[in-house]
Amino acid sequence: MPKLLRRVYYQARMHASLAFVHEHQVPERPKHFLFHQTKVDKYYREELGMSEEDIKINITNTYQPETFENYSPFDPHSITLYQFPGHLIQNGRGTPFNTDLSDIDKTVLMLNYARLDIDPLVSRWSVSYAADVIGIKGEWREKIVVATHPHDVLLEAQRVAFICFALHCDQMYVDLPFGRIWVYTAKRLEHLRAEGSEIISELE
């Protein structure tokens, strides 16, 4: 598949089908680069015919942390990051033209939409490998891996184990070897407790 087509395909699937947000709209993006708002408005209005509202919704606005159950830190290699020319960014450095899933993209996919039938001879990606990528070790790594089993079709146990791990480390974020990787709210866990989830009692 040509690189441009692959990029468009992955972005569309990740955003529309799998609920990934655009990487330039994650809460931590402003710590890495800021837009020249007037230049962005002019560029996208003239190049793509976008309205001011569309530009805010799709380009410059960032999501608030409390609206997420989880999100990763800004990943410059994510397939969901738009390619921005340097003149649109205050530091003058444009963003890369990513055409493949980054390791963090793959980790998010694995820990939220894990395929239990992956052949290890074909792909190294598994729940345990994804845990290794982001530095989850010891007891919690074991809980997350053990919680992934073929009878849990919706992978609820795996997701809950991962959320419990995050909340165990810190109520708002987890510090891992290469920085802040996941940010969680307690809403999901509270909802499961209210439902009397057996998974929660097993993990806590």
N, C-alpha and C. Protein backbone atom coordinates (compact mmCIF):
# COMPACT_ATOMS: atom_id res chain seq x y z
N MET A 1 0.84 -1.19 0.00
CA MET A 1 0.00 0.00 0.00
C MET A 1 0.89 1.25 0.00
N PRO A 2 0.64 2.23 -0.88
CA PRO A 2 1.43 3.47 -0.90
C PRO A 2 1.39 4.16 0.46
N LYS A 3 2.48 4.84 0.83
CA LYS A 3 2.59 5.44 2.15
C LYS A 3 1.46 6.42 2.45
N LEU A 4 1.13 7.27 1.48
CA LEU A 4 0.07 8.26 1.71
C LEU A 4 -1.26 7.57 1.97
N LEU A 5 -1.57 6.56 1.16
CA LEU A 5 -2.83 5.83 1.34
C LEU A 5 -2.85 5.11 2.68
N ARG A 6 -1.71 4.51 3.06
CA ARG A 6 -1.63 3.82 4.35
C ARG A 6 -1.85 4.79 5.50
N ARG A 7 -1.27 5.97 5.39
CA ARG A 7 -1.42 6.99 6.44
C ARG A 7 -2.89 7.39 6.58
N VAL A 8 -3.54 7.67 5.46
CA VAL A 8 -4.95 8.08 5.48
C VAL A 8 -5.82 6.95 6.03
N TYR A 9 -5.54 5.72 5.61
CA TYR A 9 -6.33 4.57 6.06
C TYR A 9 -6.21 4.38 7.57
N TYR A 10 -4.97 4.38 8.08
CA TYR A 10 -4.77 4.18 9.52
C TYR A 10 -5.39 5.31 10.33
N GLN A 11 -5.21 6.55 9.87
CA GLN A 11 -5.78 7.68 10.61
C GLN A 11 -7.30 7.57 10.68
N ALA A 12 -7.92 7.21 9.57
CA ALA A 12 -9.37 7.10 9.54
C ALA A 12 -9.86 5.99 10.46
N ARG A 13 -9.20 4.84 10.41
CA ARG A 13 -9.61 3.71 11.26
C ARG A 13 -9.38 4.01 12.74
N MET A 14 -8.23 4.59 13.06
CA MET A 14 -7.91 4.87 14.46
C MET A 14 -8.87 5.91 15.04
N HIS A 15 -9.17 6.93 14.25
CA HIS A 15 -9.99 8.03 14.76
C HIS A 15 -11.47 7.68 14.74
N ALA A 16 -11.98 7.27 13.59
CA ALA A 16 -13.42 7.06 13.45
C ALA A 16 -13.89 5.73 14.04
N SER A 17 -13.11 4.67 13.88
CA SER A 17 -13.56 3.34 14.30
C SER A 17 -13.14 2.97 15.72
N LEU A 18 -11.97 3.44 16.15
CA LEU A 18 -11.41 2.97 17.42
C LEU A 18 -11.32 4.06 18.49
N ALA A 19 -11.88 5.23 18.21
CA ALA A 19 -12.01 6.31 19.20
C ALA A 19 -10.69 6.93 19.63
N PHE A 20 -9.66 6.85 18.80
CA PHE A 20 -8.42 7.58 19.07
C PHE A 20 -8.64 9.05 18.73
N VAL A 21 -8.10 9.94 19.55
CA VAL A 21 -8.16 11.36 19.21
C VAL A 21 -6.94 11.71 18.37
N HIS A 22 -6.99 12.84 17.69
CA HIS A 22 -5.82 13.31 16.96
C HIS A 22 -4.71 13.61 17.95
N GLU A 23 -3.50 13.20 17.63
CA GLU A 23 -2.38 13.34 18.57
C GLU A 23 -2.11 14.80 18.93
N HIS A 24 -2.31 15.71 18.00
CA HIS A 24 -2.06 17.13 18.28
C HIS A 24 -3.14 17.73 19.17
N GLN A 25 -4.13 16.91 19.59
CA GLN A 25 -5.19 17.41 20.46
C GLN A 25 -5.17 16.76 21.84
N VAL A 26 -4.15 15.94 22.13
CA VAL A 26 -4.05 15.37 23.47
C VAL A 26 -3.70 16.49 24.45
N PRO A 27 -4.10 16.36 25.73
CA PRO A 27 -3.91 17.44 26.69
C PRO A 27 -2.47 17.94 26.84
N GLU A 28 -1.48 17.07 26.62
CA GLU A 28 -0.09 17.48 26.85
C GLU A 28 0.61 18.08 25.63
N ARG A 29 -0.08 18.14 24.49
CA ARG A 29 0.57 18.68 23.29
C ARG A 29 1.12 20.09 23.46
N PRO A 30 0.41 21.04 24.13
CA PRO A 30 0.95 22.40 24.27
C PRO A 30 2.31 22.47 24.97
N LYS A 31 2.66 21.43 25.73
CA LYS A 31 3.97 21.41 26.37
C LYS A 31 5.08 21.13 25.35
N HIS A 32 4.70 20.64 24.19
CA HIS A 32 5.68 20.25 23.17
C HIS A 32 5.74 21.24 22.02
N PHE A 33 4.60 21.78 21.62
CA PHE A 33 4.62 22.85 20.62
C PHE A 33 3.31 23.62 20.65
N LEU A 34 3.40 24.87 20.24
CA LEU A 34 2.23 25.75 20.16
C LEU A 34 2.03 26.20 18.73
N PHE A 35 0.79 26.39 18.35
CA PHE A 35 0.48 26.85 17.00
C PHE A 35 0.56 28.38 16.91
N HIS A 36 0.87 28.87 15.71
CA HIS A 36 0.63 30.26 15.35
C HIS A 36 -0.83 30.30 14.91
N GLN A 37 -1.72 30.72 15.79
CA GLN A 37 -3.15 30.60 15.51
C GLN A 37 -3.57 31.32 14.23
N THR A 38 -3.10 32.54 14.03
CA THR A 38 -3.52 33.29 12.83
C THR A 38 -3.01 32.61 11.56
N LYS A 39 -1.80 32.07 11.61
CA LYS A 39 -1.25 31.39 10.43
C LYS A 39 -1.98 30.08 10.16
N VAL A 40 -2.34 29.38 11.24
CA VAL A 40 -3.10 28.13 11.10
C VAL A 40 -4.47 28.42 10.49
N ASP A 41 -5.13 29.46 11.01
CA ASP A 41 -6.45 29.81 10.49
C ASP A 41 -6.38 30.14 9.00
N LYS A 42 -5.39 30.93 8.61
CA LYS A 42 -5.24 31.34 7.21
C LYS A 42 -4.92 30.13 6.32
N TYR A 43 -4.00 29.30 6.78
CA TYR A 43 -3.55 28.14 5.99
C TYR A 43 -4.70 27.18 5.71
N TYR A 44 -5.43 26.79 6.76
CA TYR A 44 -6.48 25.79 6.57
C TYR A 44 -7.73 26.37 5.94
N ARG A 45 -7.94 27.65 6.11
CA ARG A 45 -9.07 28.29 5.43
C ARG A 45 -8.82 28.36 3.93
N GLU A 46 -7.59 28.72 3.55
CA GLU A 46 -7.27 28.87 2.13
C GLU A 46 -6.97 27.54 1.45
N GLU A 47 -6.27 26.64 2.15
CA GLU A 47 -5.87 25.37 1.54
C GLU A 47 -7.01 24.34 1.49
N LEU A 48 -7.80 24.28 2.56
CA LEU A 48 -8.82 23.23 2.66
C LEU A 48 -10.24 23.76 2.78
N GLY A 49 -10.38 25.08 2.82
CA GLY A 49 -11.71 25.66 2.92
C GLY A 49 -12.39 25.41 4.24
N MET A 50 -11.61 25.21 5.31
CA MET A 50 -12.18 24.93 6.62
C MET A 50 -12.66 26.21 7.28
N SER A 51 -13.74 26.10 8.04
CA SER A 51 -14.25 27.24 8.80
C SER A 51 -13.43 27.40 10.08
N GLU A 52 -13.57 28.54 10.72
CA GLU A 52 -12.86 28.78 11.98
C GLU A 52 -13.23 27.74 13.02
N GLU A 53 -14.51 27.37 13.06
CA GLU A 53 -14.98 26.38 14.02
C GLU A 53 -14.38 25.00 13.73
N ASP A 54 -14.33 24.63 12.45
CA ASP A 54 -13.74 23.34 12.07
C ASP A 54 -12.26 23.27 12.43
N ILE A 55 -11.57 24.39 12.27
CA ILE A 55 -10.14 24.43 12.60
C ILE A 55 -9.93 24.21 14.09
N LYS A 56 -10.77 24.83 14.90
CA LYS A 56 -10.66 24.65 16.35
C LYS A 56 -10.96 23.21 16.74
N ILE A 57 -12.02 22.65 16.16
CA ILE A 57 -12.45 21.30 16.53
C ILE A 57 -11.44 20.24 16.09
N ASN A 58 -10.85 20.41 14.92
CA ASN A 58 -9.98 19.37 14.35
C ASN A 58 -8.48 19.63 14.46
N ILE A 59 -8.10 20.87 14.76
CA ILE A 59 -6.67 21.20 14.74
C ILE A 59 -6.17 21.74 16.07
N THR A 60 -6.68 22.88 16.50
CA THR A 60 -6.00 23.62 17.57
C THR A 60 -6.50 23.35 18.98
N ASN A 61 -7.77 23.00 19.13
CA ASN A 61 -8.27 22.72 20.48
C ASN A 61 -7.65 21.44 21.03
N THR A 62 -7.40 21.42 22.34
CA THR A 62 -6.96 20.19 23.00
C THR A 62 -8.05 19.71 23.94
N TYR A 63 -8.10 18.41 24.15
CA TYR A 63 -9.09 17.84 25.06
C TYR A 63 -8.66 18.07 26.51
N GLN A 64 -9.63 18.13 27.40
CA GLN A 64 -9.35 18.27 28.82
C GLN A 64 -9.14 16.89 29.45
N PRO A 65 -8.19 16.78 30.39
CA PRO A 65 -7.89 15.46 30.99
C PRO A 65 -9.10 14.76 31.58
N GLU A 66 -10.03 15.52 32.17
CA GLU A 66 -11.17 14.90 32.84
C GLU A 66 -12.15 14.25 31.87
N THR A 67 -12.01 14.51 30.58
CA THR A 67 -12.91 13.88 29.60
C THR A 67 -12.42 12.50 29.18
N PHE A 68 -11.26 12.08 29.67
CA PHE A 68 -10.67 10.81 29.25
C PHE A 68 -10.71 9.76 30.34
N GLU A 69 -10.82 8.52 29.93
CA GLU A 69 -10.56 7.42 30.84
C GLU A 69 -9.06 7.13 30.81
N ASN A 70 -8.43 7.31 29.66
CA ASN A 70 -6.98 7.16 29.56
C ASN A 70 -6.48 7.92 28.33
N TYR A 71 -5.27 8.37 28.43
CA TYR A 71 -4.60 8.92 27.25
C TYR A 71 -3.10 8.84 27.45
N SER A 72 -2.37 8.86 26.37
CA SER A 72 -0.91 8.77 26.44
C SER A 72 -0.32 10.16 26.40
N PRO A 73 0.96 10.30 26.71
CA PRO A 73 1.61 11.59 26.53
C PRO A 73 1.72 11.89 25.05
N PHE A 74 2.10 13.08 24.70
CA PHE A 74 2.24 13.43 23.29
C PHE A 74 3.28 12.52 22.64
N ASP A 75 2.87 11.88 21.56
CA ASP A 75 3.72 10.93 20.84
C ASP A 75 3.98 11.47 19.43
N PRO A 76 5.17 12.03 19.17
CA PRO A 76 5.44 12.60 17.85
C PRO A 76 5.47 11.58 16.72
N HIS A 77 5.49 10.29 17.08
CA HIS A 77 5.54 9.24 16.06
C HIS A 77 4.17 8.61 15.79
N SER A 78 3.14 9.07 16.49
CA SER A 78 1.81 8.49 16.33
C SER A 78 1.27 8.71 14.92
N ILE A 79 0.58 7.70 14.41
CA ILE A 79 -0.05 7.81 13.09
C ILE A 79 -1.17 8.83 13.11
N THR A 80 -1.68 9.16 14.30
CA THR A 80 -2.81 10.09 14.41
C THR A 80 -2.37 11.56 14.44
N LEU A 81 -1.07 11.81 14.38
CA LEU A 81 -0.57 13.18 14.37
C LEU A 81 -0.59 13.74 12.96
N TYR A 82 -1.22 14.89 12.78
CA TYR A 82 -1.19 15.54 11.47
C TYR A 82 0.22 16.04 11.18
N GLN A 83 0.54 16.16 9.91
CA GLN A 83 1.83 16.73 9.51
C GLN A 83 1.63 18.24 9.33
N PHE A 84 2.31 19.02 10.20
CA PHE A 84 2.19 20.48 10.16
C PHE A 84 3.49 21.10 9.67
N PRO A 85 3.42 22.00 8.69
CA PRO A 85 4.62 22.72 8.24
C PRO A 85 5.18 23.57 9.37
N GLY A 86 6.49 23.78 9.37
CA GLY A 86 7.14 24.53 10.43
C GLY A 86 6.60 25.93 10.63
N HIS A 87 6.14 26.59 9.57
CA HIS A 87 5.69 27.98 9.72
C HIS A 87 4.38 28.10 10.50
N LEU A 88 3.70 26.97 10.75
CA LEU A 88 2.47 27.00 11.54
C LEU A 88 2.73 26.82 13.03
N ILE A 89 3.97 26.50 13.38
CA ILE A 89 4.33 26.18 14.76
C ILE A 89 5.31 27.22 15.29
N GLN A 90 5.11 27.62 16.54
CA GLN A 90 5.88 28.73 17.10
C GLN A 90 7.37 28.45 17.17
N ASN A 91 7.77 27.21 17.40
CA ASN A 91 9.21 26.93 17.46
C ASN A 91 9.82 26.70 16.08
N GLY A 92 8.99 26.75 15.05
CA GLY A 92 9.49 26.63 13.68
C GLY A 92 9.78 25.22 13.21
N ARG A 93 9.57 24.22 14.08
CA ARG A 93 9.84 22.84 13.71
C ARG A 93 8.54 22.13 13.36
N GLY A 94 8.44 21.68 12.13
CA GLY A 94 7.24 20.98 11.69
C GLY A 94 7.15 19.59 12.30
N THR A 95 6.01 18.96 12.14
CA THR A 95 5.81 17.60 12.64
C THR A 95 6.06 16.60 11.51
N PRO A 96 6.46 15.37 11.85
CA PRO A 96 6.81 14.38 10.83
C PRO A 96 5.60 13.85 10.07
N PHE A 97 5.86 13.31 8.91
CA PHE A 97 4.83 12.67 8.09
C PHE A 97 4.85 11.18 8.43
N ASN A 98 4.12 10.81 9.48
CA ASN A 98 4.12 9.43 9.95
C ASN A 98 3.23 8.55 9.08
N THR A 99 3.75 7.40 8.71
CA THR A 99 2.98 6.50 7.84
C THR A 99 2.74 5.12 8.46
N ASP A 100 3.24 4.91 9.67
CA ASP A 100 3.07 3.62 10.34
C ASP A 100 2.65 3.83 11.78
N LEU A 101 2.05 2.83 12.37
CA LEU A 101 1.69 2.87 13.78
C LEU A 101 2.96 2.94 14.62
N SER A 102 2.97 3.82 15.61
CA SER A 102 4.11 3.88 16.52
C SER A 102 3.97 2.78 17.56
N ASP A 103 5.01 2.55 18.34
CA ASP A 103 4.93 1.53 19.39
C ASP A 103 3.86 1.88 20.42
N ILE A 104 3.70 3.18 20.71
CA ILE A 104 2.66 3.58 21.66
C ILE A 104 1.28 3.37 21.05
N ASP A 105 1.12 3.66 19.76
CA ASP A 105 -0.15 3.35 19.09
C ASP A 105 -0.48 1.87 19.25
N LYS A 106 0.50 1.02 18.99
CA LYS A 106 0.28 -0.42 19.06
C LYS A 106 -0.02 -0.87 20.49
N THR A 107 0.64 -0.24 21.46
CA THR A 107 0.40 -0.58 22.85
C THR A 107 -1.02 -0.24 23.26
N VAL A 108 -1.48 0.96 22.87
CA VAL A 108 -2.85 1.36 23.19
C VAL A 108 -3.85 0.39 22.55
N LEU A 109 -3.60 0.03 21.31
CA LEU A 109 -4.48 -0.93 20.63
C LEU A 109 -4.49 -2.27 21.35
N MET A 110 -3.31 -2.75 21.72
CA MET A 110 -3.21 -4.06 22.35
C MET A 110 -3.90 -4.09 23.71
N LEU A 111 -3.75 -3.02 24.49
CA LEU A 111 -4.30 -3.02 25.84
C LEU A 111 -5.78 -2.65 25.89
N ASN A 112 -6.32 -2.16 24.78
CA ASN A 112 -7.74 -1.83 24.74
C ASN A 112 -8.54 -2.69 23.77
N TYR A 113 -7.87 -3.19 22.73
CA TYR A 113 -8.55 -4.00 21.73
C TYR A 113 -7.74 -5.24 21.41
N ALA A 114 -7.23 -5.90 22.44
CA ALA A 114 -6.32 -7.03 22.22
C ALA A 114 -6.97 -8.15 21.42
N ARG A 115 -6.21 -8.68 20.47
CA ARG A 115 -6.64 -9.88 19.73
C ARG A 115 -6.01 -11.08 20.41
N LEU A 116 -6.85 -11.98 20.86
CA LEU A 116 -6.34 -13.13 21.60
C LEU A 116 -5.81 -14.23 20.69
N ASP A 117 -6.02 -14.08 19.38
CA ASP A 117 -5.59 -15.14 18.46
C ASP A 117 -4.33 -14.77 17.69
N ILE A 118 -3.59 -13.77 18.15
CA ILE A 118 -2.37 -13.38 17.46
C ILE A 118 -1.35 -14.52 17.52
N ASP A 119 -0.81 -14.87 16.39
CA ASP A 119 0.20 -15.92 16.31
C ASP A 119 1.55 -15.32 16.68
N PRO A 120 2.16 -15.76 17.79
CA PRO A 120 3.45 -15.19 18.22
C PRO A 120 4.56 -15.38 17.20
N LEU A 121 4.39 -16.34 16.29
CA LEU A 121 5.41 -16.54 15.26
C LEU A 121 5.31 -15.49 14.15
N VAL A 122 4.13 -14.87 14.05
CA VAL A 122 3.90 -13.86 13.03
C VAL A 122 4.12 -12.46 13.58
N SER A 123 3.67 -12.23 14.80
CA SER A 123 3.77 -10.90 15.41
C SER A 123 4.28 -11.01 16.84
N ARG A 124 5.19 -10.12 17.22
CA ARG A 124 5.69 -10.12 18.60
C ARG A 124 4.71 -9.44 19.54
N TRP A 125 3.69 -8.78 18.97
CA TRP A 125 2.77 -8.01 19.81
C TRP A 125 1.80 -8.91 20.55
N SER A 126 1.79 -8.74 21.85
CA SER A 126 0.89 -9.44 22.74
C SER A 126 0.65 -8.51 23.92
N VAL A 127 -0.26 -8.87 24.80
CA VAL A 127 -0.51 -8.05 25.98
C VAL A 127 0.75 -7.94 26.83
N SER A 128 1.46 -9.03 26.99
CA SER A 128 2.67 -9.00 27.81
C SER A 128 3.75 -8.12 27.16
N TYR A 129 3.87 -8.19 25.83
CA TYR A 129 4.86 -7.35 25.14
C TYR A 129 4.47 -5.88 25.25
N ALA A 130 3.17 -5.58 25.13
CA ALA A 130 2.70 -4.20 25.26
C ALA A 130 3.01 -3.67 26.66
N ALA A 131 2.82 -4.51 27.67
CA ALA A 131 3.15 -4.10 29.04
C ALA A 131 4.64 -3.79 29.16
N ASP A 132 5.46 -4.59 28.49
CA ASP A 132 6.91 -4.35 28.51
C ASP A 132 7.27 -3.03 27.84
N VAL A 133 6.58 -2.70 26.74
CA VAL A 133 6.87 -1.47 26.00
C VAL A 133 6.72 -0.24 26.89
N ILE A 134 5.68 -0.22 27.72
CA ILE A 134 5.46 0.95 28.56
C ILE A 134 5.97 0.78 29.99
N GLY A 135 6.66 -0.33 30.26
CA GLY A 135 7.37 -0.46 31.52
C GLY A 135 6.58 -0.98 32.70
N ILE A 136 5.47 -1.68 32.47
CA ILE A 136 4.72 -2.27 33.58
C ILE A 136 5.44 -3.54 34.01
N LYS A 137 5.75 -3.62 35.31
CA LYS A 137 6.52 -4.76 35.80
C LYS A 137 5.86 -5.39 37.02
N GLY A 138 6.39 -6.53 37.41
CA GLY A 138 6.02 -7.15 38.67
C GLY A 138 4.59 -7.63 38.75
N GLU A 139 4.00 -7.44 39.94
CA GLU A 139 2.68 -7.97 40.25
C GLU A 139 1.60 -7.46 39.30
N TRP A 140 1.66 -6.17 38.97
CA TRP A 140 0.61 -5.61 38.12
C TRP A 140 0.72 -6.11 36.68
N ARG A 141 1.93 -6.30 36.22
CA ARG A 141 2.10 -6.87 34.88
C ARG A 141 1.46 -8.25 34.83
N GLU A 142 1.69 -9.04 35.87
CA GLU A 142 1.15 -10.38 35.93
C GLU A 142 -0.38 -10.36 35.97
N LYS A 143 -0.94 -9.42 36.74
CA LYS A 143 -2.40 -9.32 36.84
C LYS A 143 -3.03 -8.98 35.49
N ILE A 144 -2.40 -8.05 34.77
CA ILE A 144 -2.93 -7.64 33.47
C ILE A 144 -2.86 -8.79 32.47
N VAL A 145 -1.73 -9.50 32.47
CA VAL A 145 -1.56 -10.61 31.53
C VAL A 145 -2.52 -11.75 31.87
N VAL A 146 -2.63 -12.08 33.16
CA VAL A 146 -3.51 -13.17 33.59
C VAL A 146 -4.97 -12.83 33.30
N ALA A 147 -5.32 -11.53 33.42
CA ALA A 147 -6.71 -11.11 33.20
C ALA A 147 -7.14 -11.24 31.75
N THR A 148 -6.18 -11.44 30.86
CA THR A 148 -6.49 -11.58 29.43
C THR A 148 -6.70 -13.05 29.11
N HIS A 149 -7.95 -13.43 28.93
CA HIS A 149 -8.23 -14.83 28.63
C HIS A 149 -9.37 -14.93 27.62
N PRO A 150 -9.44 -16.02 26.88
CA PRO A 150 -10.38 -16.14 25.76
C PRO A 150 -11.85 -16.12 26.15
N HIS A 151 -12.18 -16.36 27.42
CA HIS A 151 -13.58 -16.36 27.82
C HIS A 151 -14.11 -14.94 28.05
N ASP A 152 -13.21 -13.99 28.18
CA ASP A 152 -13.60 -12.60 28.39
C ASP A 152 -13.63 -11.90 27.03
N VAL A 153 -14.73 -12.09 26.31
CA VAL A 153 -14.83 -11.64 24.92
C VAL A 153 -14.61 -10.13 24.80
N LEU A 154 -15.13 -9.36 25.74
CA LEU A 154 -15.02 -7.91 25.68
C LEU A 154 -13.75 -7.39 26.35
N LEU A 155 -12.93 -8.30 26.85
CA LEU A 155 -11.67 -7.95 27.50
C LEU A 155 -11.87 -7.02 28.69
N GLU A 156 -13.03 -7.17 29.36
CA GLU A 156 -13.33 -6.30 30.49
C GLU A 156 -12.32 -6.48 31.62
N ALA A 157 -11.95 -7.72 31.90
CA ALA A 157 -11.01 -7.97 32.99
C ALA A 157 -9.67 -7.33 32.72
N GLN A 158 -9.21 -7.43 31.48
CA GLN A 158 -7.92 -6.83 31.12
C GLN A 158 -7.95 -5.32 31.29
N ARG A 159 -9.02 -4.70 30.80
CA ARG A 159 -9.12 -3.24 30.89
C ARG A 159 -9.19 -2.79 32.34
N VAL A 160 -9.99 -3.51 33.14
CA VAL A 160 -10.11 -3.16 34.56
C VAL A 160 -8.77 -3.32 35.26
N ALA A 161 -8.05 -4.40 34.95
CA ALA A 161 -6.73 -4.61 35.56
C ALA A 161 -5.80 -3.45 35.23
N PHE A 162 -5.86 -2.99 33.99
CA PHE A 162 -5.00 -1.89 33.57
C PHE A 162 -5.38 -0.60 34.28
N ILE A 163 -6.68 -0.34 34.42
CA ILE A 163 -7.15 0.85 35.13
C ILE A 163 -6.76 0.78 36.59
N CYS A 164 -6.92 -0.39 37.21
CA CYS A 164 -6.54 -0.55 38.62
C CYS A 164 -5.05 -0.30 38.80
N PHE A 165 -4.25 -0.77 37.85
CA PHE A 165 -2.81 -0.53 37.91
C PHE A 165 -2.52 0.96 37.92
N ALA A 166 -3.17 1.70 37.02
CA ALA A 166 -2.93 3.13 36.92
C ALA A 166 -3.34 3.84 38.20
N LEU A 167 -4.50 3.48 38.74
CA LEU A 167 -4.98 4.13 39.96
C LEU A 167 -4.14 3.74 41.17
N HIS A 168 -3.62 2.54 41.15
CA HIS A 168 -2.75 2.09 42.23
C HIS A 168 -1.47 2.94 42.27
N CYS A 169 -0.93 3.24 41.09
CA CYS A 169 0.30 4.02 41.02
C CYS A 169 0.06 5.47 41.40
N ASP A 170 -1.05 6.02 40.92
CA ASP A 170 -1.36 7.41 41.22
C ASP A 170 -2.78 7.67 40.76
N GLN A 171 -3.53 8.49 41.48
CA GLN A 171 -4.92 8.74 41.12
C GLN A 171 -5.06 9.44 39.78
N MET A 172 -4.03 10.12 39.32
CA MET A 172 -4.15 10.87 38.07
C MET A 172 -3.22 10.39 36.96
N TYR A 173 -2.04 9.91 37.31
CA TYR A 173 -1.14 9.48 36.23
C TYR A 173 -0.14 8.45 36.72
N VAL A 174 0.51 7.82 35.77
CA VAL A 174 1.51 6.80 36.04
C VAL A 174 2.86 7.27 35.53
N ASP A 175 3.88 7.26 36.37
CA ASP A 175 5.23 7.58 35.91
C ASP A 175 5.93 6.29 35.53
N LEU A 176 6.37 6.23 34.29
CA LEU A 176 7.05 5.06 33.78
C LEU A 176 8.39 5.47 33.20
N PRO A 177 9.22 4.52 32.78
CA PRO A 177 10.61 4.84 32.40
C PRO A 177 10.79 6.01 31.44
N PHE A 178 9.89 6.18 30.45
CA PHE A 178 10.11 7.28 29.54
C PHE A 178 9.10 8.40 29.75
N GLY A 179 8.58 8.53 30.96
CA GLY A 179 7.74 9.68 31.27
C GLY A 179 6.31 9.29 31.57
N ARG A 180 5.48 10.28 31.57
CA ARG A 180 4.07 10.09 31.92
C ARG A 180 3.36 9.42 30.75
N ILE A 181 2.89 8.20 30.96
CA ILE A 181 2.36 7.44 29.84
C ILE A 181 0.85 7.33 29.86
N TRP A 182 0.24 7.14 31.00
CA TRP A 182 -1.22 7.01 31.04
C TRP A 182 -1.80 7.96 32.07
N VAL A 183 -2.91 8.55 31.75
CA VAL A 183 -3.65 9.38 32.70
C VAL A 183 -5.05 8.80 32.79
N TYR A 184 -5.48 8.54 34.01
CA TYR A 184 -6.79 7.94 34.22
C TYR A 184 -7.63 8.78 35.16
N THR A 185 -8.94 8.75 34.99
CA THR A 185 -9.87 9.25 35.99
C THR A 185 -10.41 8.04 36.73
N ALA A 186 -11.04 8.29 37.87
CA ALA A 186 -11.56 7.18 38.66
C ALA A 186 -12.98 6.80 38.25
N LYS A 187 -13.53 7.47 37.25
CA LYS A 187 -14.94 7.26 36.90
C LYS A 187 -15.23 5.81 36.53
N ARG A 188 -14.37 5.23 35.70
CA ARG A 188 -14.62 3.87 35.24
C ARG A 188 -14.60 2.88 36.39
N LEU A 189 -13.63 3.04 37.27
CA LEU A 189 -13.51 2.15 38.42
C LEU A 189 -14.71 2.30 39.34
N GLU A 190 -15.15 3.54 39.58
CA GLU A 190 -16.31 3.78 40.44
C GLU A 190 -17.56 3.14 39.84
N HIS A 191 -17.69 3.23 38.52
CA HIS A 191 -18.84 2.63 37.84
C HIS A 191 -18.85 1.12 38.03
N LEU A 192 -17.69 0.50 37.90
CA LEU A 192 -17.61 -0.95 38.05
C LEU A 192 -17.87 -1.37 39.49
N ARG A 193 -17.38 -0.57 40.44
CA ARG A 193 -17.66 -0.87 41.85
C ARG A 193 -19.16 -0.81 42.11
N ALA A 194 -19.82 0.20 41.54
CA ALA A 194 -21.25 0.38 41.73
C ALA A 194 -22.03 -0.81 41.17
N GLU A 195 -21.49 -1.42 40.13
CA GLU A 195 -22.13 -2.59 39.52
C GLU A 195 -21.85 -3.86 40.30
N GLY A 196 -20.97 -3.76 41.30
CA GLY A 196 -20.61 -4.94 42.06
C GLY A 196 -19.77 -5.91 41.27
N SER A 197 -18.90 -5.37 40.41
CA SER A 197 -18.09 -6.21 39.53
C SER A 197 -17.21 -7.17 40.32
N GLU A 198 -17.29 -8.45 39.98
CA GLU A 198 -16.45 -9.45 40.62
C GLU A 198 -14.98 -9.23 40.27
N ILE A 199 -14.74 -8.65 39.11
CA ILE A 199 -13.36 -8.41 38.68
C ILE A 199 -12.66 -7.49 39.66
N ILE A 200 -13.37 -6.44 40.11
CA ILE A 200 -12.78 -5.48 41.05
C ILE A 200 -12.37 -6.17 42.33
N SER A 201 -13.26 -6.98 42.89
CA SER A 201 -12.94 -7.65 44.16
C SER A 201 -11.77 -8.60 44.02
N GLU A 202 -11.60 -9.16 42.84
CA GLU A 202 -10.49 -10.09 42.61
C GLU A 202 -9.16 -9.35 42.50
N LEU A 203 -9.20 -8.13 41.96
CA LEU A 203 -7.96 -7.41 41.70
C LEU A 203 -7.49 -6.56 42.87
N GLU A 204 -8.42 -6.06 43.68
CA GLU A 204 -8.03 -5.12 44.74
C GLU A 204 -7.63 -5.84 46.01
